[in-house]
Amino acid sequence: MKKLNIYFTAGIPQLENTPEIIRLIQDSGADMIEIGMPYSDPVADGPVIQKAHELALKNGMTIEKLFAQLKTIRNEIRIPVILMGYINPVLSFGFERFCKECSESGISGLILPDLPPIEFEKNYQQILKKYNLNFTFLVTPETSDERILYLDSLSSGFLYAVSSSSTTGSENTVLKNENYLSRLADLPLKNPVMIGFGIKSKENFENVTEQAHGGIIGTAFVNILLQDKDWKKNAIDFIHSIKA
C-alpha cells in the first residue's frame, strides 16, 4: 500500500481547528501529516495555498501558537507529523529553539524549501541531528541525477519529488513526467520517494505513485478546508476515497 501524506495550512478554517484537523487526518487513514506554517510571502505555493496562508495569518496563527496546539495532542498522534514552511520565520524564532520545540511537540521532520543545501550542511544539519529531526529536500524534473543523489544524501525521512513544470490539477501531469518518475526509480536513493504532483483523486494518486513509495496531497485538501461549510465530513470522505 502506497503512503499517503496529507498537507494542510495551520490556522484554517479557524485558528483553533488545527488539532481537530490533525486528528481527522490520522483517524481517516492517512500515513503522514504535513503542516504548513503560514507565511506572508509563500512564493513556492500555488494560489489556493497562498489564500490559506493569508487566512491563517488573519486568524492569528503564529509559530508559537502552533507549537502550543501541537503539545495539546502530542500523546494522541501515532503517525509522523512534519512541519513545512520558509526559513525566515524559523530564523526569526531561533533555529535551535525551533528544533527544540519541534522535539517537544512530537514533530518528526522539517521541509524548508528555500534553505540552500550548502547552508543546511554548514549551519543546521547538526542541530537537526541533536533534536532527532528529519529534513527533506525537494527535487524536480529539471534536477540532474547528480544533484538528486546529493539532495537524497542530505535528506532523511523521505525525498520530496515535485513537478515544477506542471500546473496543479493538469490532466497530462502523469504523462509528462513518466521519464522523471522512471529516472527516480532507477537511481540508488537511500530515502523513499514521495511525489507531490497536484494529486486530486484516487486515480491520480495511483498513477503518480506507481514507481514511488507514496504521494503528497495539499491543494485539493486545503481547498476543502477553505470552501466547504461541511468541511469535516468532506475532508474525511476525501481521504477515504484516496485510501479506499
Foldseek 3Di string as FASTA:
>chain_A
DFAEEEEAEAQPPHNLCVVVVLVLCVVLPHQEYEYEYADQCQPVDDPLRNVRSVNRVVNPDALVSVLVSLLVCLVVDDHAYEYEYAVVSCVVVPVLVSLVSCLNSNHAEYEHAPQDPVCCVPPPLVSNVVSNHWYEYEDELPDDLVVQQVRLVSGPPAYEYEYPPDDQPDPCQLVVCVVVLVSVLPRPGPHFYEYEYNDQALVSFCSSCVSGRGYYHYSNLNCLRNPPPPSSVVNSVRSNRNVD
